[in-house]
Amino acid sequence: MTTSLDDDKAENVLTIPLQGKSAMADYMVVASGTSSRQVAAMAEHIEFKLKQNKVDVLGLEGLRQADWVLIDANDVIVHLFRPEVREFYGLERMWSDATAEEVVTVGTDG
């Protein structure tokens, strides 16, 4: 999944382990795209790759506006944002006790 995000030039990709912290999934992946078009494309590519690998996609929300797209792949929940929407909701702060692992940083200073 993170390979697909890397291929799509996602920014600030974080993988947050949820084992023992939540029953909803084992991992949460959070990433940003620079525009709604990029966020939608990333979501469509992830959905395609999941289905190609016979992983059930239990839900896909927000694709029409693509400001925040959520993909429920059972053990992994993926949140794709435009940067300003990600900053506004601060989803990572809700899981601050979990150890976030930065997977990919593309196109950022630092």
PDB file of N, CA and C in Angstrom:
ATOM      1  N   MET A   1       0.816  -1.187   0.000  1.00  0.00           N
ATOM      2  CA  MET A   1       0.000   0.000   0.000  1.00  0.00           C
ATOM      3  C   MET A   1       0.865   1.258   0.000  1.00  0.00           C
ATOM      4  N   THR A   2       1.887   1.279   0.829  1.00  0.00           N
ATOM      5  CA  THR A   2       2.756   2.453   0.849  1.00  0.00           C
ATOM      6  C   THR A   2       3.541   2.571  -0.446  1.00  0.00           C
ATOM      7  N   THR A   3       3.780   1.449  -1.133  1.00  0.00           N
ATOM      8  CA  THR A   3       4.445   1.502  -2.434  1.00  0.00           C
ATOM      9  C   THR A   3       3.563   2.243  -3.428  1.00  0.00           C
ATOM     10  N   SER A   4       2.269   1.960  -3.406  1.00  0.00           N
ATOM     11  CA  SER A   4       1.327   2.659  -4.281  1.00  0.00           C
ATOM     12  C   SER A   4       1.329   4.154  -3.975  1.00  0.00           C
ATOM     13  N   LEU A   5       1.342   4.510  -2.707  1.00  0.00           N
ATOM     14  CA  LEU A   5       1.376   5.919  -2.325  1.00  0.00           C
ATOM     15  C   LEU A   5       2.672   6.576  -2.768  1.00  0.00           C
ATOM     16  N   ASP A   6       3.771   5.859  -2.649  1.00  0.00           N
ATOM     17  CA  ASP A   6       5.058   6.372  -3.107  1.00  0.00           C
ATOM     18  C   ASP A   6       5.023   6.597  -4.614  1.00  0.00           C
ATOM     19  N   ASP A   7       4.475   5.628  -5.352  1.00  0.00           N
ATOM     20  CA  ASP A   7       4.364   5.758  -6.809  1.00  0.00           C
ATOM     21  C   ASP A   7       3.522   6.969  -7.197  1.00  0.00           C
ATOM     22  N   ASP A   8       2.518   7.280  -6.395  1.00  0.00           N
ATOM     23  CA  ASP A   8       1.627   8.412  -6.672  1.00  0.00           C
ATOM     24  C   ASP A   8       2.129   9.724  -6.076  1.00  0.00           C
ATOM     25  N   LYS A   9       3.345   9.714  -5.552  1.00  0.00           N
ATOM     26  CA  LYS A   9       3.980  10.899  -4.978  1.00  0.00           C
ATOM     27  C   LYS A   9       3.186  11.504  -3.810  1.00  0.00           C
ATOM     28  N   ALA A  10       2.649  10.626  -2.983  1.00  0.00           N
ATOM     29  CA  ALA A  10       1.975  11.076  -1.763  1.00  0.00           C
ATOM     30  C   ALA A  10       2.993  11.745  -0.847  1.00  0.00           C
ATOM     31  N   GLU A  11       2.519  12.675  -0.055  1.00  0.00           N
ATOM     32  CA  GLU A  11       3.395  13.398   0.864  1.00  0.00           C
ATOM     33  C   GLU A  11       3.072  13.027   2.310  1.00  0.00           C
ATOM     34  N   ASN A  12       4.102  13.097   3.138  1.00  0.00           N
ATOM     35  CA  ASN A  12       3.950  12.898   4.589  1.00  0.00           C
ATOM     36  C   ASN A  12       3.164  11.642   4.934  1.00  0.00           C
ATOM     37  N   VAL A  13       3.612  10.523   4.409  1.00  0.00           N
ATOM     38  CA  VAL A  13       2.946   9.244   4.651  1.00  0.00           C
ATOM     39  C   VAL A  13       3.354   8.723   6.023  1.00  0.00           C
ATOM     40  N   LEU A  14       2.361   8.433   6.852  1.00  0.00           N
ATOM     41  CA  LEU A  14       2.608   7.866   8.177  1.00  0.00           C
ATOM     42  C   LEU A  14       1.858   6.554   8.303  1.00  0.00           C
ATOM     43  N   THR A  15       2.506   5.578   8.914  1.00  0.00           N
ATOM     44  CA  THR A  15       1.849   4.332   9.283  1.00  0.00           C
ATOM     45  C   THR A  15       1.783   4.304  10.802  1.00  0.00           C
ATOM     46  N   ILE A  16       0.587   4.186  11.331  1.00  0.00           N
ATOM     47  CA  ILE A  16       0.386   4.209  12.778  1.00  0.00           C
ATOM     48  C   ILE A  16      -0.109   2.839  13.224  1.00  0.00           C
ATOM     49  N   PRO A  17       0.697   2.111  14.020  1.00  0.00           N
ATOM     50  CA  PRO A  17       0.247   0.810  14.518  1.00  0.00           C
ATOM     51  C   PRO A  17      -0.853   0.993  15.564  1.00  0.00           C
ATOM     52  N   LEU A  18      -1.923   0.223  15.418  1.00  0.00           N
ATOM     53  CA  LEU A  18      -3.066   0.337  16.326  1.00  0.00           C
ATOM     54  C   LEU A  18      -3.284  -0.903  17.175  1.00  0.00           C
ATOM     55  N   GLN A  19      -2.447  -1.935  17.004  1.00  0.00           N
ATOM     56  CA  GLN A  19      -2.636  -3.163  17.775  1.00  0.00           C
ATOM     57  C   GLN A  19      -2.634  -2.834  19.262  1.00  0.00           C
ATOM     58  N   GLY A  20      -3.628  -3.346  19.960  1.00  0.00           N
ATOM     59  CA  GLY A  20      -3.731  -3.110  21.392  1.00  0.00           C
ATOM     60  C   GLY A  20      -4.299  -1.750  21.760  1.00  0.00           C
ATOM     61  N   LYS A  21      -4.528  -0.884  20.769  1.00  0.00           N
ATOM     62  CA  LYS A  21      -5.069   0.446  21.020  1.00  0.00           C
ATOM     63  C   LYS A  21      -6.468   0.618  20.454  1.00  0.00           C
ATOM     64  N   SER A  22      -6.796  -0.191  19.450  1.00  0.00           N
ATOM     65  CA  SER A  22      -8.103  -0.087  18.811  1.00  0.00           C
ATOM     66  C   SER A  22      -8.473  -1.420  18.186  1.00  0.00           C
ATOM     67  N   ALA A  23      -9.747  -1.752  18.249  1.00  0.00           N
ATOM     68  CA  ALA A  23     -10.229  -2.988  17.631  1.00  0.00           C
ATOM     69  C   ALA A  23     -10.611  -2.779  16.173  1.00  0.00           C
ATOM     70  N   MET A  24     -10.598  -1.529  15.699  1.00  0.00           N
ATOM     71  CA  MET A  24     -11.066  -1.266  14.340  1.00  0.00           C
ATOM     72  C   MET A  24     -10.087  -1.713  13.267  1.00  0.00           C
ATOM     73  N   ALA A  25      -8.798  -1.730  13.566  1.00  0.00           N
ATOM     74  CA  ALA A  25      -7.793  -2.106  12.566  1.00  0.00           C
ATOM     75  C   ALA A  25      -6.462  -2.340  13.264  1.00  0.00           C
ATOM     76  N   ASP A  26      -5.541  -2.951  12.540  1.00  0.00           N
ATOM     77  CA  ASP A  26      -4.188  -3.149  13.062  1.00  0.00           C
ATOM     78  C   ASP A  26      -3.289  -1.955  12.758  1.00  0.00           C
ATOM     79  N   TYR A  27      -3.564  -1.292  11.626  1.00  0.00           N
ATOM     80  CA  TYR A  27      -2.749  -0.151  11.202  1.00  0.00           C
ATOM     81  C   TYR A  27      -3.636   0.925  10.601  1.00  0.00           C
ATOM     82  N   MET A  28      -3.177   2.158  10.730  1.00  0.00           N
ATOM     83  CA  MET A  28      -3.783   3.281  10.043  1.00  0.00           C
ATOM     84  C   MET A  28      -2.682   3.929   9.209  1.00  0.00           C
ATOM     85  N   VAL A  29      -2.996   4.206   7.963  1.00  0.00           N
ATOM     86  CA  VAL A  29      -2.069   4.903   7.081  1.00  0.00           C
ATOM     87  C   VAL A  29      -2.678   6.269   6.796  1.00  0.00           C
ATOM     88  N   VAL A  30      -1.878   7.313   6.956  1.00  0.00           N
ATOM     89  CA  VAL A  30      -2.320   8.682   6.712  1.00  0.00           C
ATOM     90  C   VAL A  30      -1.359   9.292   5.704  1.00  0.00           C
ATOM     91  N   ALA A  31      -1.916   9.927   4.658  1.00  0.00           N
ATOM     92  CA  ALA A  31      -1.070  10.531   3.627  1.00  0.00           C
ATOM     93  C   ALA A  31      -1.768  11.750   3.045  1.00  0.00           C
ATOM     94  N   SER A  32      -0.986  12.606   2.412  1.00  0.00           N
ATOM     95  CA  SER A  32      -1.520  13.808   1.778  1.00  0.00           C
ATOM     96  C   SER A  32      -1.230  13.800   0.291  1.00  0.00           C
ATOM     97  N   GLY A  33      -2.151  14.417  -0.447  1.00  0.00           N
ATOM     98  CA  GLY A  33      -1.950  14.705  -1.861  1.00  0.00           C
ATOM     99  C   GLY A  33      -2.071  16.205  -2.035  1.00  0.00           C
ATOM    100  N   THR A  34      -1.455  16.744  -3.051  1.00  0.00           N
ATOM    101  CA  THR A  34      -1.405  18.197  -3.209  1.00  0.00           C
ATOM    102  C   THR A  34      -2.704  18.801  -3.727  1.00  0.00           C
ATOM    103  N   SER A  35      -3.604  17.972  -4.257  1.00  0.00           N
ATOM    104  CA  SER A  35      -4.868  18.466  -4.808  1.00  0.00           C
ATOM    105  C   SER A  35      -5.933  17.386  -4.662  1.00  0.00           C
ATOM    106  N   SER A  36      -7.179  17.781  -4.838  1.00  0.00           N
ATOM    107  CA  SER A  36      -8.271  16.804  -4.800  1.00  0.00           C
ATOM    108  C   SER A  36      -8.096  15.756  -5.890  1.00  0.00           C
ATOM    109  N   ARG A  37      -7.626  16.189  -7.039  1.00  0.00           N
ATOM    110  CA  ARG A  37      -7.401  15.250  -8.141  1.00  0.00           C
ATOM    111  C   ARG A  37      -6.367  14.193  -7.752  1.00  0.00           C
ATOM    112  N   GLN A  38      -5.272  14.609  -7.120  1.00  0.00           N
ATOM    113  CA  GLN A  38      -4.246  13.652  -6.708  1.00  0.00           C
ATOM    114  C   GLN A  38      -4.778  12.725  -5.614  1.00  0.00           C
ATOM    115  N   VAL A  39      -5.521  13.260  -4.655  1.00  0.00           N
ATOM    116  CA  VAL A  39      -6.091  12.437  -3.583  1.00  0.00           C
ATOM    117  C   VAL A  39      -7.017  11.378  -4.177  1.00  0.00           C
ATOM    118  N   ALA A  40      -7.873  11.776  -5.121  1.00  0.00           N
ATOM    119  CA  ALA A  40      -8.789  10.825  -5.762  1.00  0.00           C
ATOM    120  C   ALA A  40      -8.017   9.753  -6.523  1.00  0.00           C
ATOM    121  N   ALA A  41      -6.986  10.154  -7.247  1.00  0.00           N
ATOM    122  CA  ALA A  41      -6.185   9.185  -8.006  1.00  0.00           C
ATOM    123  C   ALA A  41      -5.493   8.201  -7.069  1.00  0.00           C
ATOM    124  N   MET A  42      -4.944   8.694  -5.953  1.00  0.00           N
ATOM    125  CA  MET A  42      -4.299   7.802  -4.988  1.00  0.00           C
ATOM    126  C   MET A  42      -5.299   6.792  -4.447  1.00  0.00           C
ATOM    127  N   ALA A  43      -6.504   7.257  -4.117  1.00  0.00           N
ATOM    128  CA  ALA A  43      -7.538   6.366  -3.577  1.00  0.00           C
ATOM    129  C   ALA A  43      -7.929   5.306  -4.598  1.00  0.00           C
ATOM    130  N   GLU A  44      -8.117   5.712  -5.839  1.00  0.00           N
ATOM    131  CA  GLU A  44      -8.496   4.757  -6.883  1.00  0.00           C
ATOM    132  C   GLU A  44      -7.400   3.728  -7.115  1.00  0.00           C
ATOM    133  N   HIS A  45      -6.142   4.167  -7.095  1.00  0.00           N
ATOM    134  CA  HIS A  45      -5.026   3.227  -7.286  1.00  0.00           C
ATOM    135  C   HIS A  45      -4.934   2.241  -6.129  1.00  0.00           C
ATOM    136  N   ILE A  46      -5.099   2.717  -4.903  1.00  0.00           N
ATOM    137  CA  ILE A  46      -5.058   1.816  -3.744  1.00  0.00           C
ATOM    138  C   ILE A  46      -6.204   0.819  -3.818  1.00  0.00           C
ATOM    139  N   GLU A  47      -7.398   1.300  -4.123  1.00  0.00           N
ATOM    140  CA  GLU A  47      -8.545   0.396  -4.231  1.00  0.00           C
ATOM    141  C   GLU A  47      -8.289  -0.674  -5.295  1.00  0.00           C
ATOM    142  N   PHE A  48      -7.762  -0.275  -6.444  1.00  0.00           N
ATOM    143  CA  PHE A  48      -7.465  -1.220  -7.519  1.00  0.00           C
ATOM    144  C   PHE A  48      -6.455  -2.272  -7.069  1.00  0.00           C
ATOM    145  N   LYS A  49      -5.368  -1.816  -6.432  1.00  0.00           N
ATOM    146  CA  LYS A  49      -4.327  -2.758  -5.996  1.00  0.00           C
ATOM    147  C   LYS A  49      -4.838  -3.701  -4.912  1.00  0.00           C
ATOM    148  N   LEU A  50      -5.658  -3.191  -4.007  1.00  0.00           N
ATOM    149  CA  LEU A  50      -6.228  -4.056  -2.973  1.00  0.00           C
ATOM    150  C   LEU A  50      -7.094  -5.142  -3.601  1.00  0.00           C
ATOM    151  N   LYS A  51      -7.965  -4.743  -4.509  1.00  0.00           N
ATOM    152  CA  LYS A  51      -8.839  -5.717  -5.174  1.00  0.00           C
ATOM    153  C   LYS A  51      -8.033  -6.696  -6.015  1.00  0.00           C
ATOM    154  N   GLN A  52      -6.982  -6.197  -6.656  1.00  0.00           N
ATOM    155  CA  GLN A  52      -6.100  -7.050  -7.456  1.00  0.00           C
ATOM    156  C   GLN A  52      -5.448  -8.124  -6.585  1.00  0.00           C
ATOM    157  N   ASN A  53      -5.157  -7.773  -5.343  1.00  0.00           N
ATOM    158  CA  ASN A  53      -4.548  -8.710  -4.396  1.00  0.00           C
ATOM    159  C   ASN A  53      -5.592  -9.428  -3.545  1.00  0.00           C
ATOM    160  N   LYS A  54      -6.848  -9.346  -3.976  1.00  0.00           N
ATOM    161  CA  LYS A  54      -7.965 -10.044  -3.329  1.00  0.00           C
ATOM    162  C   LYS A  54      -8.168  -9.635  -1.866  1.00  0.00           C
ATOM    163  N   VAL A  55      -7.914  -8.360  -1.582  1.00  0.00           N
ATOM    164  CA  VAL A  55      -8.179  -7.796  -0.259  1.00  0.00           C
ATOM    165  C   VAL A  55      -9.535  -7.102  -0.333  1.00  0.00           C
ATOM    166  N   ASP A  56     -10.420  -7.456   0.574  1.00  0.00           N
ATOM    167  CA  ASP A  56     -11.748  -6.846   0.587  1.00  0.00           C
ATOM    168  C   ASP A  56     -11.664  -5.379   0.992  1.00  0.00           C
ATOM    169  N   VAL A  57     -12.251  -4.522   0.178  1.00  0.00           N
ATOM    170  CA  VAL A  57     -12.403  -3.116   0.533  1.00  0.00           C
ATOM    171  C   VAL A  57     -13.792  -2.986   1.141  1.00  0.00           C
ATOM    172  N   LEU A  58     -13.838  -2.785   2.447  1.00  0.00           N
ATOM    173  CA  LEU A  58     -15.106  -2.738   3.167  1.00  0.00           C
ATOM    174  C   LEU A  58     -15.819  -1.402   3.014  1.00  0.00           C
ATOM    175  N   GLY A  59     -15.066  -0.375   2.689  1.00  0.00           N
ATOM    176  CA  GLY A  59     -15.668   0.938   2.504  1.00  0.00           C
ATOM    177  C   GLY A  59     -14.704   1.900   1.853  1.00  0.00           C
ATOM    178  N   LEU A  60     -15.258   2.810   1.077  1.00  0.00           N
ATOM    179  CA  LEU A  60     -14.487   3.889   0.465  1.00  0.00           C
ATOM    180  C   LEU A  60     -15.384   5.126   0.538  1.00  0.00           C
ATOM    181  N   GLU A  61     -14.966   6.107   1.307  1.00  0.00           N
ATOM    182  CA  GLU A  61     -15.780   7.300   1.558  1.00  0.00           C
ATOM    183  C   GLU A  61     -15.040   8.554   1.113  1.00  0.00           C
ATOM    184  N   GLY A  62     -15.786   9.510   0.567  1.00  0.00           N
ATOM    185  CA  GLY A  62     -15.229  10.827   0.272  1.00  0.00           C
ATOM    186  C   GLY A  62     -14.592  10.986  -1.087  1.00  0.00           C
ATOM    187  N   LEU A  63     -14.742  10.007  -1.961  1.00  0.00           N
ATOM    188  CA  LEU A  63     -14.054  10.057  -3.259  1.00  0.00           C
ATOM    189  C   LEU A  63     -14.573  11.190  -4.137  1.00  0.00           C
ATOM    190  N   ARG A  64     -15.843  11.503  -4.038  1.00  0.00           N
ATOM    191  CA  ARG A  64     -16.426  12.524  -4.922  1.00  0.00           C
ATOM    192  C   ARG A  64     -15.740  13.879  -4.749  1.00  0.00           C
ATOM    193  N   GLN A  65     -15.616  14.362  -3.507  1.00  0.00           N
ATOM    194  CA  GLN A  65     -14.951  15.649  -3.273  1.00  0.00           C
ATOM    195  C   GLN A  65     -13.445  15.494  -3.142  1.00  0.00           C
ATOM    196  N   ALA A  66     -13.016  14.378  -2.610  1.00  0.00           N
ATOM    197  CA  ALA A  66     -11.596  14.034  -2.473  1.00  0.00           C
ATOM    198  C   ALA A  66     -10.801  15.047  -1.655  1.00  0.00           C
ATOM    199  N   ASP A  67     -11.448  15.638  -0.645  1.00  0.00           N
ATOM    200  CA  ASP A  67     -10.706  16.439   0.326  1.00  0.00           C
ATOM    201  C   ASP A  67     -10.121  15.516   1.390  1.00  0.00           C
ATOM    202  N   TRP A  68     -10.918  14.508   1.757  1.00  0.00           N
ATOM    203  CA  TRP A  68     -10.527  13.480   2.725  1.00  0.00           C
ATOM    204  C   TRP A  68     -11.177  12.189   2.259  1.00  0.00           C
ATOM    205  N   VAL A  69     -10.370  11.232   1.875  1.00  0.00           N
ATOM    206  CA  VAL A  69     -10.881   9.933   1.436  1.00  0.00           C
ATOM    207  C   VAL A  69     -10.466   8.889   2.460  1.00  0.00           C
ATOM    208  N   LEU A  70     -11.429   8.073   2.876  1.00  0.00           N
ATOM    209  CA  LEU A  70     -11.174   6.992   3.814  1.00  0.00           C
ATOM    210  C   LEU A  70     -11.372   5.665   3.094  1.00  0.00           C
ATOM    211  N   ILE A  71     -10.398   4.775   3.220  1.00  0.00           N
ATOM    212  CA  ILE A  71     -10.495   3.430   2.658  1.00  0.00           C
ATOM    213  C   ILE A  71     -10.386   2.446   3.810  1.00  0.00           C
ATOM    214  N   ASP A  72     -11.408   1.619   3.965  1.00  0.00           N
ATOM    215  CA  ASP A  72     -11.415   0.589   5.001  1.00  0.00           C
ATOM    216  C   ASP A  72     -11.065  -0.735   4.343  1.00  0.00           C
ATOM    217  N   ALA A  73      -9.852  -1.202   4.601  1.00  0.00           N
ATOM    218  CA  ALA A  73      -9.381  -2.477   4.054  1.00  0.00           C
ATOM    219  C   ALA A  73      -9.273  -3.512   5.173  1.00  0.00           C
ATOM    220  N   ASN A  74     -10.232  -3.476   6.086  1.00  0.00           N
ATOM    221  CA  ASN A  74     -10.353  -4.413   7.191  1.00  0.00           C
ATOM    222  C   ASN A  74      -9.269  -4.200   8.240  1.00  0.00           C
ATOM    223  N   ASP A  75      -8.091  -4.750   8.062  1.00  0.00           N
ATOM    224  CA  ASP A  75      -7.020  -4.610   9.055  1.00  0.00           C
ATOM    225  C   ASP A  75      -6.250  -3.300   8.921  1.00  0.00           C
ATOM    226  N   VAL A  76      -6.467  -2.594   7.814  1.00  0.00           N
ATOM    227  CA  VAL A  76      -5.775  -1.328   7.560  1.00  0.00           C
ATOM    228  C   VAL A  76      -6.809  -0.277   7.159  1.00  0.00           C
ATOM    229  N   ILE A  77      -6.743   0.864   7.815  1.00  0.00           N
ATOM    230  CA  ILE A  77      -7.592   2.001   7.471  1.00  0.00           C
ATOM    231  C   ILE A  77      -6.679   3.057   6.851  1.00  0.00           C
ATOM    232  N   VAL A  78      -7.054   3.555   5.682  1.00  0.00           N
ATOM    233  CA  VAL A  78      -6.248   4.549   4.972  1.00  0.00           C
ATOM    234  C   VAL A  78      -7.015   5.868   4.939  1.00  0.00           C
ATOM    235  N   HIS A  79      -6.340   6.938   5.338  1.00  0.00           N
ATOM    236  CA  HIS A  79      -6.896   8.290   5.269  1.00  0.00           C
ATOM    237  C   HIS A  79      -6.023   9.095   4.318  1.00  0.00           C
ATOM    238  N   LEU A  80      -6.629   9.618   3.263  1.00  0.00           N
ATOM    239  CA  LEU A  80      -5.926  10.446   2.290  1.00  0.00           C
ATOM    240  C   LEU A  80      -6.524  11.850   2.340  1.00  0.00           C
ATOM    241  N   PHE A  81      -5.671  12.849   2.475  1.00  0.00           N
ATOM    242  CA  PHE A  81      -6.126  14.226   2.667  1.00  0.00           C
ATOM    243  C   PHE A  81      -5.448  15.182   1.693  1.00  0.00           C
ATOM    244  N   ARG A  82      -6.117  16.326   1.461  1.00  0.00           N
ATOM    245  CA  ARG A  82      -5.400  17.497   0.976  1.00  0.00           C
ATOM    246  C   ARG A  82      -4.719  18.081   2.214  1.00  0.00           C
ATOM    247  N   PRO A  83      -3.537  18.695   2.075  1.00  0.00           N
ATOM    248  CA  PRO A  83      -2.764  19.123   3.257  1.00  0.00           C
ATOM    249  C   PRO A  83      -3.531  20.012   4.238  1.00  0.00           C
ATOM    250  N   GLU A  84      -4.285  20.980   3.737  1.00  0.00           N
ATOM    251  CA  GLU A  84      -4.983  21.890   4.653  1.00  0.00           C
ATOM    252  C   GLU A  84      -6.115  21.177   5.403  1.00  0.00           C
ATOM    253  N   VAL A  85      -6.722  20.190   4.788  1.00  0.00           N
ATOM    254  CA  VAL A  85      -7.773  19.413   5.452  1.00  0.00           C
ATOM    255  C   VAL A  85      -7.149  18.522   6.524  1.00  0.00           C
ATOM    256  N   ARG A  86      -6.014  17.939   6.192  1.00  0.00           N
ATOM    257  CA  ARG A  86      -5.296  17.100   7.167  1.00  0.00           C
ATOM    258  C   ARG A  86      -4.900  17.920   8.390  1.00  0.00           C
ATOM    259  N   GLU A  87      -4.401  19.110   8.150  1.00  0.00           N
ATOM    260  CA  GLU A  87      -3.996  19.985   9.256  1.00  0.00           C
ATOM    261  C   GLU A  87      -5.210  20.371  10.112  1.00  0.00           C
ATOM    262  N   PHE A  88      -6.320  20.681   9.472  1.00  0.00           N
ATOM    263  CA  PHE A  88      -7.527  21.093  10.187  1.00  0.00           C
ATOM    264  C   PHE A  88      -8.029  19.997  11.124  1.00  0.00           C
ATOM    265  N   TYR A  89      -8.105  18.762  10.627  1.00  0.00           N
ATOM    266  CA  TYR A  89      -8.650  17.674  11.441  1.00  0.00           C
ATOM    267  C   TYR A  89      -7.630  17.073  12.406  1.00  0.00           C
ATOM    268  N   GLY A  90      -6.358  17.146  12.091  1.00  0.00           N
ATOM    269  CA  GLY A  90      -5.319  16.684  13.011  1.00  0.00           C
ATOM    270  C   GLY A  90      -5.484  15.248  13.471  1.00  0.00           C
ATOM    271  N   LEU A  91      -5.807  14.374  12.548  1.00  0.00           N
ATOM    272  CA  LEU A  91      -6.074  12.979  12.884  1.00  0.00           C
ATOM    273  C   LEU A  91      -4.919  12.324  13.645  1.00  0.00           C
ATOM    274  N   GLU A  92      -3.690  12.661  13.280  1.00  0.00           N
ATOM    275  CA  GLU A  92      -2.530  12.064  13.957  1.00  0.00           C
ATOM    276  C   GLU A  92      -2.501  12.410  15.441  1.00  0.00           C
ATOM    277  N   ARG A  93      -2.984  13.599  15.789  1.00  0.00           N
ATOM    278  CA  ARG A  93      -2.990  14.005  17.206  1.00  0.00           C
ATOM    279  C   ARG A  93      -3.897  13.115  18.047  1.00  0.00           C
ATOM    280  N   MET A  94      -4.939  12.569  17.432  1.00  0.00           N
ATOM    281  CA  MET A  94      -5.846  11.680  18.165  1.00  0.00           C
ATOM    282  C   MET A  94      -5.148  10.389  18.577  1.00  0.00           C
ATOM    283  N   TRP A  95      -4.109  10.032  17.845  1.00  0.00           N
ATOM    284  CA  TRP A  95      -3.391   8.788  18.109  1.00  0.00           C
ATOM    285  C   TRP A  95      -1.982   9.088  18.589  1.00  0.00           C
ATOM    286  N   SER A  96      -1.806  10.201  19.308  1.00  0.00           N
ATOM    287  CA  SER A  96      -0.467  10.625  19.719  1.00  0.00           C
ATOM    288  C   SER A  96       0.219   9.627  20.641  1.00  0.00           C
ATOM    289  N   ASP A  97      -0.549   8.760  21.310  1.00  0.00           N
ATOM    290  CA  ASP A  97       0.083   7.751  22.159  1.00  0.00           C
ATOM    291  C   ASP A  97       0.587   6.565  21.343  1.00  0.00           C
ATOM    292  N   ALA A  98       0.134   6.453  20.099  1.00  0.00           N
ATOM    293  CA  ALA A  98       0.658   5.410  19.212  1.00  0.00           C
ATOM    294  C   ALA A  98       1.941   5.937  18.587  1.00  0.00           C
ATOM    295  N   THR A  99       2.828   5.059  18.210  1.00  0.00           N
ATOM    296  CA  THR A  99       4.083   5.457  17.599  1.00  0.00           C
ATOM    297  C   THR A  99       3.905   5.511  16.093  1.00  0.00           C
ATOM    298  N   ALA A 100       3.899   6.718  15.547  1.00  0.00           N
ATOM    299  CA  ALA A 100       3.773   6.880  14.101  1.00  0.00           C
ATOM    300  C   ALA A 100       5.129   6.663  13.457  1.00  0.00           C
ATOM    301  N   GLU A 101       5.108   5.967  12.345  1.00  0.00           N
ATOM    302  CA  GLU A 101       6.335   5.709  11.612  1.00  0.00           C
ATOM    303  C   GLU A 101       6.261   6.433  10.286  1.00  0.00           C
ATOM    304  N   GLU A 102       7.186   7.366  10.065  1.00  0.00           N
ATOM    305  CA  GLU A 102       7.189   8.068   8.796  1.00  0.00           C
ATOM    306  C   GLU A 102       7.737   7.127   7.742  1.00  0.00           C
ATOM    307  N   VAL A 103       6.942   6.887   6.719  1.00  0.00           N
ATOM    308  CA  VAL A 103       7.320   5.933   5.686  1.00  0.00           C
ATOM    309  C   VAL A 103       7.927   6.656   4.505  1.00  0.00           C
ATOM    310  N   VAL A 104       7.279   7.731   4.063  1.00  0.00           N
ATOM    311  CA  VAL A 104       7.721   8.441   2.873  1.00  0.00           C
ATOM    312  C   VAL A 104       7.513   9.922   3.097  1.00  0.00           C
ATOM    313  N   THR A 105       8.489  10.722   2.738  1.00  0.00           N
ATOM    314  CA  THR A 105       8.320  12.160   2.704  1.00  0.00           C
ATOM    315  C   THR A 105       8.802  12.621   1.343  1.00  0.00           C
ATOM    316  N   VAL A 106       7.855  13.012   0.504  1.00  0.00           N
ATOM    317  CA  VAL A 106       8.179  13.422  -0.853  1.00  0.00           C
ATOM    318  C   VAL A 106       7.763  14.862  -1.027  1.00  0.00           C
ATOM    319  N   GLY A 107       8.636  15.665  -1.585  1.00  0.00           N
ATOM    320  CA  GLY A 107       8.286  17.031  -1.916  1.00  0.00           C
ATOM    321  C   GLY A 107       8.128  17.959  -0.735  1.00  0.00           C
ATOM    322  N   THR A 108       8.816  17.679   0.358  1.00  0.00           N
ATOM    323  CA  THR A 108       8.747  18.577   1.508  1.00  0.00           C
ATOM    324  C   THR A 108      10.152  18.985   1.897  1.00  0.00           C
ATOM    325  N   ASP A 109      10.240  20.118   2.539  1.00  0.00           N
ATOM    326  CA  ASP A 109      11.536  20.561   3.050  1.00  0.00           C
ATOM    327  C   ASP A 109      11.767  19.919   4.398  1.00  0.00           C
ATOM    328  N   GLY A 110      12.930  19.330   4.579  1.00  0.00           N
ATOM    329  CA  GLY A 110      13.199  18.762   5.890  1.00  0.00           C
ATOM    330  C   GLY A 110      13.535  17.395   5.803  1.00  0.00           C
TER     331      GLY A 110
END
